[in-house]
PDB file of N, CA and C in Angstrom:
ATOM      1  N   MET A   1       1.026  -1.392   0.184  1.00  0.00           N
ATOM      2  CA  MET A   1       0.352  -0.162  -0.326  1.00  0.00           C
ATOM      3  C   MET A   1       0.695   0.994   0.387  1.00  0.00           C
ATOM      4  N   LEU A   2       2.553   1.418   0.950  1.00  0.00           N
ATOM      5  CA  LEU A   2       2.637   1.964   0.843  1.00  0.00           C
ATOM      6  C   LEU A   2       3.291   3.310  -0.515  1.00  0.00           C
ATOM      7  N   SER A   3       4.108   1.491  -1.100  1.00  0.00           N
ATOM      8  CA  SER A   3       4.629   1.777  -2.587  1.00  0.00           C
ATOM      9  C   SER A   3       4.091   2.514  -3.243  1.00  0.00           C
ATOM     10  N   ALA A   4       2.170   1.824  -3.528  1.00  0.00           N
ATOM     11  CA  ALA A   4       1.228   2.240  -4.621  1.00  0.00           C
ATOM     12  C   ALA A   4       1.713   4.452  -4.255  1.00  0.00           C
ATOM     13  N   ALA A   5       1.223   4.191  -2.922  1.00  0.00           N
ATOM     14  CA  ALA A   5       1.137   5.953  -2.492  1.00  0.00           C
ATOM     15  C   ALA A   5       2.454   6.722  -2.816  1.00  0.00           C
ATOM     16  N   ALA A   6       3.518   5.449  -2.851  1.00  0.00           N
ATOM     17  CA  ALA A   6       5.178   7.073  -3.721  1.00  0.00           C
ATOM     18  C   ALA A   6       4.880   7.415  -5.471  1.00  0.00           C
ATOM     19  N   VAL A   7       4.599   5.832  -5.248  1.00  0.00           N
ATOM     20  CA  VAL A   7       4.673   6.025  -7.109  1.00  0.00           C
ATOM     21  C   VAL A   7       3.415   7.119  -7.666  1.00  0.00           C
ATOM     22  N   THR A   8       2.248   7.077  -6.745  1.00  0.00           N
ATOM     23  CA  THR A   8       1.730   8.372  -7.321  1.00  0.00           C
ATOM     24  C   THR A   8       1.916   9.662  -6.167  1.00  0.00           C
ATOM     25  N   LEU A   9       2.449   9.582  -5.700  1.00  0.00           N
ATOM     26  CA  LEU A   9       3.495  11.113  -5.426  1.00  0.00           C
ATOM     27  C   LEU A   9       4.553  11.633  -6.099  1.00  0.00           C
ATOM     28  N   SER A  10       4.799  10.162  -6.684  1.00  0.00           N
ATOM     29  CA  SER A  10       6.559  10.256  -7.320  1.00  0.00           C
ATOM     30  C   SER A  10       5.864  11.092  -9.056  1.00  0.00           C
ATOM     31  N   ALA A  11       4.859  10.342  -9.525  1.00  0.00           N
ATOM     32  CA  ALA A  11       4.548  10.816 -11.579  1.00  0.00           C
ATOM     33  C   ALA A  11       3.873  12.345 -10.584  1.00  0.00           C
ATOM     34  N   CYS A  12       3.188  12.955  -9.635  1.00  0.00           N
ATOM     35  CA  CYS A  12       2.274  14.302  -9.984  1.00  0.00           C
ATOM     36  C   CYS A  12       4.077  14.947  -9.987  1.00  0.00           C
ATOM     37  N   ALA A  13       4.335  14.468  -8.819  1.00  0.00           N
ATOM     38  CA  ALA A  13       5.640  16.265  -9.044  1.00  0.00           C
ATOM     39  C   ALA A  13       7.279  15.444 -10.222  1.00  0.00           C
ATOM     40  N   GLY A  14       6.902  14.568 -11.192  1.00  0.00           N
ATOM     41  CA  GLY A  14       7.596  14.841 -12.541  1.00  0.00           C
ATOM     42  C   GLY A  14       7.208  15.316 -13.282  1.00  0.00           C
ATOM     43  N   GLY A  15       6.368  16.321 -13.155  1.00  0.00           N
ATOM     44  CA  GLY A  15       5.632  17.241 -14.331  1.00  0.00           C
ATOM     45  C   GLY A  15       6.186  18.976 -14.368  1.00  0.00           C
ATOM     46  N   PRO A  16       6.384  19.717 -15.652  1.00  0.00           N
ATOM     47  CA  PRO A  16       7.229  20.532 -15.650  1.00  0.00           C
ATOM     48  C   PRO A  16       6.630  21.689 -14.350  1.00  0.00           C
ATOM     49  N   PRO A  17       7.856  22.001 -14.204  1.00  0.00           N
ATOM     50  CA  PRO A  17       7.858  23.215 -12.761  1.00  0.00           C
ATOM     51  C   PRO A  17       7.125  23.567 -13.642  1.00  0.00           C
ATOM     52  N   LEU A  18       6.733  24.265 -11.740  1.00  0.00           N
ATOM     53  CA  LEU A  18       4.885  25.706 -12.067  1.00  0.00           C
ATOM     54  C   LEU A  18       6.288  27.186 -12.688  1.00  0.00           C
ATOM     55  N   GLU A  19       4.893  28.114 -13.272  1.00  0.00           N
ATOM     56  CA  GLU A  19       5.645  29.236 -12.554  1.00  0.00           C
ATOM     57  C   GLU A  19       5.318  30.219 -11.035  1.00  0.00           C
ATOM     58  N   THR A  20       6.665  30.555 -10.996  1.00  0.00           N
ATOM     59  CA  THR A  20       5.718  31.784  -9.522  1.00  0.00           C
ATOM     60  C   THR A  20       5.726  32.250  -9.918  1.00  0.00           C
ATOM     61  N   THR A  21       5.183  33.562  -8.733  1.00  0.00           N
ATOM     62  CA  THR A  21       3.696  34.196  -9.104  1.00  0.00           C
ATOM     63  C   THR A  21       4.984  36.438  -9.692  1.00  0.00           C
ATOM     64  N   ALA A  22       6.051  36.034  -9.553  1.00  0.00           N
ATOM     65  CA  ALA A  22       6.711  37.077 -10.169  1.00  0.00           C
ATOM     66  C   ALA A  22       6.653  36.782 -11.154  1.00  0.00           C
ATOM     67  N   GLU A  23       6.354  35.071 -12.042  1.00  0.00           N
ATOM     68  CA  GLU A  23       7.247  35.014 -13.520  1.00  0.00           C
ATOM     69  C   GLU A  23       5.687  35.823 -13.997  1.00  0.00           C
ATOM     70  N   ARG A  24       4.565  34.749 -13.457  1.00  0.00           N
ATOM     71  CA  ARG A  24       3.034  35.038 -14.251  1.00  0.00           C
ATOM     72  C   ARG A  24       2.718  36.958 -13.499  1.00  0.00           C
ATOM     73  N   LEU A  25       3.093  37.980 -12.999  1.00  0.00           N
ATOM     74  CA  LEU A  25       3.029  39.265 -12.943  1.00  0.00           C
ATOM     75  C   LEU A  25       3.519  39.321 -13.559  1.00  0.00           C
ATOM     76  N   SER A  26       5.108  39.388 -13.967  1.00  0.00           N
ATOM     77  CA  SER A  26       5.556  39.955 -15.945  1.00  0.00           C
ATOM     78  C   SER A  26       5.176  39.457 -16.443  1.00  0.00           C
ATOM     79  N   ALA A  27       4.862  38.173 -17.403  1.00  0.00           N
ATOM     80  CA  ALA A  27       4.152  37.918 -18.429  1.00  0.00           C
ATOM     81  C   ALA A  27       2.845  38.809 -17.894  1.00  0.00           C
ATOM     82  N   LEU A  28       2.348  38.694 -16.937  1.00  0.00           N
ATOM     83  CA  LEU A  28       0.707  39.473 -17.115  1.00  0.00           C
ATOM     84  C   LEU A  28       1.486  41.574 -17.827  1.00  0.00           C
ATOM     85  N   GLU A  29       1.857  41.548 -16.758  1.00  0.00           N
ATOM     86  CA  GLU A  29       2.578  43.519 -17.233  1.00  0.00           C
ATOM     87  C   GLU A  29       2.840  43.146 -18.777  1.00  0.00           C
ATOM     88  N   GLN A  30       3.909  42.357 -19.364  1.00  0.00           N
ATOM     89  CA  GLN A  30       4.194  42.160 -21.471  1.00  0.00           C
ATOM     90  C   GLN A  30       3.020  41.852 -22.175  1.00  0.00           C
ATOM     91  N   SER A  31       2.291  41.005 -21.907  1.00  0.00           N
ATOM     92  CA  SER A  31       1.144  40.917 -22.358  1.00  0.00           C
ATOM     93  C   SER A  31      -0.120  42.395 -22.606  1.00  0.00           C
ATOM     94  N   CYS A  32       0.026  43.039 -21.132  1.00  0.00           N
ATOM     95  CA  CYS A  32      -0.791  43.894 -21.428  1.00  0.00           C
ATOM     96  C   CYS A  32      -0.282  46.231 -21.721  1.00  0.00           C
ATOM     97  N   ARG A  33       0.904  45.522 -21.681  1.00  0.00           N
ATOM     98  CA  ARG A  33       1.663  46.584 -22.316  1.00  0.00           C
ATOM     99  C   ARG A  33       1.669  45.988 -23.680  1.00  0.00           C
ATOM    100  N   GLU A  34       2.027  44.859 -24.789  1.00  0.00           N
ATOM    101  CA  GLU A  34       2.084  45.061 -25.634  1.00  0.00           C
ATOM    102  C   GLU A  34       0.692  44.930 -26.675  1.00  0.00           C
ATOM    103  N   ARG A  35      -0.335  45.128 -26.014  1.00  0.00           N
ATOM    104  CA  ARG A  35      -1.642  45.738 -26.006  1.00  0.00           C
ATOM    105  C   ARG A  35      -2.309  47.529 -25.379  1.00  0.00           C
ATOM    106  N   GLY A  36      -1.611  47.845 -25.194  1.00  0.00           N
ATOM    107  CA  GLY A  36      -1.181  49.683 -24.941  1.00  0.00           C
ATOM    108  C   GLY A  36      -1.879  49.852 -23.614  1.00  0.00           C
ATOM    109  N   GLY A  37      -2.023  48.782 -23.114  1.00  0.00           N
ATOM    110  CA  GLY A  37      -2.966  49.147 -21.966  1.00  0.00           C
ATOM    111  C   GLY A  37      -1.006  49.242 -20.169  1.00  0.00           C
ATOM    112  N   VAL A  38      -1.491  49.503 -19.419  1.00  0.00           N
ATOM    113  CA  VAL A  38      -0.861  49.324 -17.746  1.00  0.00           C
ATOM    114  C   VAL A  38      -1.757  48.426 -16.757  1.00  0.00           C
ATOM    115  N   LEU A  39      -0.749  47.596 -16.348  1.00  0.00           N
ATOM    116  CA  LEU A  39      -0.928  47.382 -15.293  1.00  0.00           C
ATOM    117  C   LEU A  39      -1.189  47.462 -14.300  1.00  0.00           C
ATOM    118  N   VAL A  40      -2.521  47.446 -13.840  1.00  0.00           N
ATOM    119  CA  VAL A  40      -2.286  47.844 -12.427  1.00  0.00           C
ATOM    120  C   VAL A  40      -3.337  47.425 -10.691  1.00  0.00           C
ATOM    121  N   SER A  41      -3.874  47.945  -9.765  1.00  0.00           N
ATOM    122  CA  SER A  41      -4.364  46.633  -9.061  1.00  0.00           C
ATOM    123  C   SER A  41      -5.759  46.105  -9.357  1.00  0.00           C
ATOM    124  N   SER A  42      -6.232  45.973  -9.056  1.00  0.00           N
ATOM    125  CA  SER A  42      -8.372  45.940  -9.004  1.00  0.00           C
ATOM    126  C   SER A  42      -8.860  46.283  -8.697  1.00  0.00           C
ATOM    127  N   GLY A  43      -8.398  46.749  -7.554  1.00  0.00           N
ATOM    128  CA  GLY A  43      -8.905  46.880  -6.227  1.00  0.00           C
ATOM    129  C   GLY A  43      -9.442  46.275  -5.716  1.00  0.00           C
ATOM    130  N   ALA A  44      -9.448  45.015  -5.035  1.00  0.00           N
ATOM    131  CA  ALA A  44      -9.914  43.852  -4.442  1.00  0.00           C
ATOM    132  C   ALA A  44      -8.847  43.734  -3.880  1.00  0.00           C
ATOM    133  N   PRO A  45      -9.249  42.813  -2.647  1.00  0.00           N
ATOM    134  CA  PRO A  45      -9.058  42.713  -1.646  1.00  0.00           C
ATOM    135  C   PRO A  45      -7.337  41.534  -1.745  1.00  0.00           C
ATOM    136  N   PRO A  46      -6.387  41.367  -1.395  1.00  0.00           N
ATOM    137  CA  PRO A  46      -5.265  40.615  -2.540  1.00  0.00           C
ATOM    138  C   PRO A  46      -4.981  39.258  -2.499  1.00  0.00           C
ATOM    139  N   THR A  47      -5.040  38.159  -3.912  1.00  0.00           N
ATOM    140  CA  THR A  47      -5.530  36.464  -3.033  1.00  0.00           C
ATOM    141  C   THR A  47      -3.936  36.552  -3.621  1.00  0.00           C
ATOM    142  N   GLY A  48      -3.537  37.019  -4.132  1.00  0.00           N
ATOM    143  CA  GLY A  48      -1.913  36.271  -4.052  1.00  0.00           C
ATOM    144  C   GLY A  48      -1.255  35.994  -5.702  1.00  0.00           C
ATOM    145  N   ARG A  49      -2.582  36.008  -5.762  1.00  0.00           N
ATOM    146  CA  ARG A  49      -3.043  35.323  -7.648  1.00  0.00           C
ATOM    147  C   ARG A  49      -3.170  37.159  -8.472  1.00  0.00           C
ATOM    148  N   PRO A  50      -1.587  36.831  -9.317  1.00  0.00           N
ATOM    149  CA  PRO A  50      -2.132  38.421  -9.913  1.00  0.00           C
ATOM    150  C   PRO A  50      -3.154  38.411 -11.714  1.00  0.00           C
ATOM    151  N   GLU A  51      -3.382  36.901 -11.764  1.00  0.00           N
ATOM    152  CA  GLU A  51      -4.827  37.066 -12.468  1.00  0.00           C
ATOM    153  C   GLU A  51      -5.874  37.326 -11.994  1.00  0.00           C
ATOM    154  N   VAL A  52      -5.812  37.266 -11.252  1.00  0.00           N
ATOM    155  CA  VAL A  52      -7.051  38.181 -10.510  1.00  0.00           C
ATOM    156  C   VAL A  52      -6.839  39.206  -9.984  1.00  0.00           C
ATOM    157  N   ASP A  53      -5.639  39.224  -8.717  1.00  0.00           N
ATOM    158  CA  ASP A  53      -5.661  40.897  -8.192  1.00  0.00           C
ATOM    159  C   ASP A  53      -5.199  41.576  -9.194  1.00  0.00           C
ATOM    160  N   ASN A  54      -4.890  42.000 -10.713  1.00  0.00           N
ATOM    161  CA  ASN A  54      -4.377  42.452 -11.408  1.00  0.00           C
ATOM    162  C   ASN A  54      -5.214  43.247 -12.746  1.00  0.00           C
ATOM    163  N   VAL A  55      -5.666  44.003 -13.512  1.00  0.00           N
ATOM    164  CA  VAL A  55      -5.816  44.930 -14.444  1.00  0.00           C
ATOM    165  C   VAL A  55      -5.640  44.754 -15.216  1.00  0.00           C
ATOM    166  N   CYS A  56      -6.006  45.395 -17.365  1.00  0.00           N
ATOM    167  CA  CYS A  56      -5.062  45.897 -18.072  1.00  0.00           C
ATOM    168  C   CYS A  56      -5.696  47.432 -17.881  1.00  0.00           C
ATOM    169  N   ARG A  57      -4.936  48.236 -17.854  1.00  0.00           N
ATOM    170  CA  ARG A  57      -6.415  49.250 -18.626  1.00  0.00           C
ATOM    171  C   ARG A  57      -5.478  49.453 -19.716  1.00  0.00           C
ATOM    172  N   ILE A  58      -6.517  50.294 -20.411  1.00  0.00           N
ATOM    173  CA  ILE A  58      -6.161  50.729 -22.033  1.00  0.00           C
ATOM    174  C   ILE A  58      -5.529  52.046 -22.098  1.00  0.00           C
ATOM    175  N   THR A  59      -4.859  52.572 -22.035  1.00  0.00           N
ATOM    176  CA  THR A  59      -4.354  53.956 -21.872  1.00  0.00           C
ATOM    177  C   THR A  59      -4.353  54.217 -23.583  1.00  0.00           C
ATOM    178  N   GLY A  60      -4.371  53.331 -24.598  1.00  0.00           N
ATOM    179  CA  GLY A  60      -4.115  53.840 -25.748  1.00  0.00           C
ATOM    180  C   GLY A  60      -5.252  54.192 -26.749  1.00  0.00           C
ATOM    181  N   GLY A  61      -5.381  54.562 -27.707  1.00  0.00           N
ATOM    182  CA  GLY A  61      -6.396  54.773 -28.792  1.00  0.00           C
ATOM    183  C   GLY A  61      -7.260  54.667 -29.013  1.00  0.00           C
ATOM    184  N   ALA A  62      -7.557  53.208 -28.755  1.00  0.00           N
ATOM    185  CA  ALA A  62      -9.165  52.944 -28.590  1.00  0.00           C
ATOM    186  C   ALA A  62      -9.989  53.008 -28.229  1.00  0.00           C
ATOM    187  N   SER A  63     -11.098  53.256 -29.455  1.00  0.00           N
ATOM    188  CA  SER A  63     -12.127  54.503 -29.083  1.00  0.00           C
ATOM    189  C   SER A  63     -13.758  53.771 -29.480  1.00  0.00           C
ATOM    190  N   ARG A  64     -15.227  54.340 -28.931  1.00  0.00           N
ATOM    191  CA  ARG A  64     -15.827  53.619 -29.690  1.00  0.00           C
ATOM    192  C   ARG A  64     -16.478  55.212 -30.495  1.00  0.00           C
ATOM    193  N   LEU A  65     -16.049  56.203 -29.872  1.00  0.00           N
ATOM    194  CA  LEU A  65     -17.282  57.260 -29.894  1.00  0.00           C
ATOM    195  C   LEU A  65     -16.896  57.308 -31.222  1.00  0.00           C
ATOM    196  N   PRO A  66     -17.669  58.425 -32.415  1.00  0.00           N
ATOM    197  CA  PRO A  66     -17.394  58.516 -33.445  1.00  0.00           C
ATOM    198  C   PRO A  66     -16.681  59.781 -33.801  1.00  0.00           C
ATOM    199  N   GLY A  67     -15.463  59.666 -34.673  1.00  0.00           N
ATOM    200  CA  GLY A  67     -13.973  61.044 -34.453  1.00  0.00           C
ATOM    201  C   GLY A  67     -13.741  60.650 -33.793  1.00  0.00           C
ATOM    202  N   GLY A  68     -13.386  59.407 -33.016  1.00  0.00           N
ATOM    203  CA  GLY A  68     -12.326  59.545 -31.888  1.00  0.00           C
ATOM    204  C   GLY A  68     -11.266  58.519 -32.186  1.00  0.00           C
TER     205      GLY A  68
END
């Protein structure tokens, strides 16, 4: 029984390394900049997950106004 659990745990540990929070935040910042935006806090209580804690505020020329 113990050896089955050890095999299961080793199978889980063999996957690719997970990204750190800093790496995920950096990727979000880069993606946001590429779209002409600035990454800002969502204003909600922090969760420790950059994808939830931040939003991309578009600062460039996108407009739905006529002539804009």
